[in-house]
Amino acid sequence: MKYITTFALAFGLLGSAAFAADEATTVEGKVQCAKCTLKTQDKCQAAVVVTKEGKEITYLLTGKDAAGLHKDVCKPGTTLDVKITGKIAKGVLAISKVEKK
């Protein structure tokens, strides 16, 4: 009986972690060009730099709003303060809503 309970709890926790990954997340940070300013990519692409628990985390941006944001920041040293809502997976933030500050 202990083993059945343990397995049920383990699968329940795994299922809730997978479900949490599908939820939209809101982040606030600075959008920058991943090539021109951050120098982390070979091609120009919008990225947002977020400070979380004292560490800077960079997410590449995708979605229809990413191209528009990229046009605003594709110059070395240019940043744009934003609040972005979307889904994060493997270092990529798929934008569903953007709020420029």
Foldseek 3Di string as FASTA:
>chain_A
DVVVVVVVVVVVVVVVVVVVLQDKDKFKFKKAWCCQAVNNDPDTFIWGWGQDPNDTAIATEDDPCRVVVSVQHVHYPRIWIKIFIAGDDPRHGYTDDIDTD
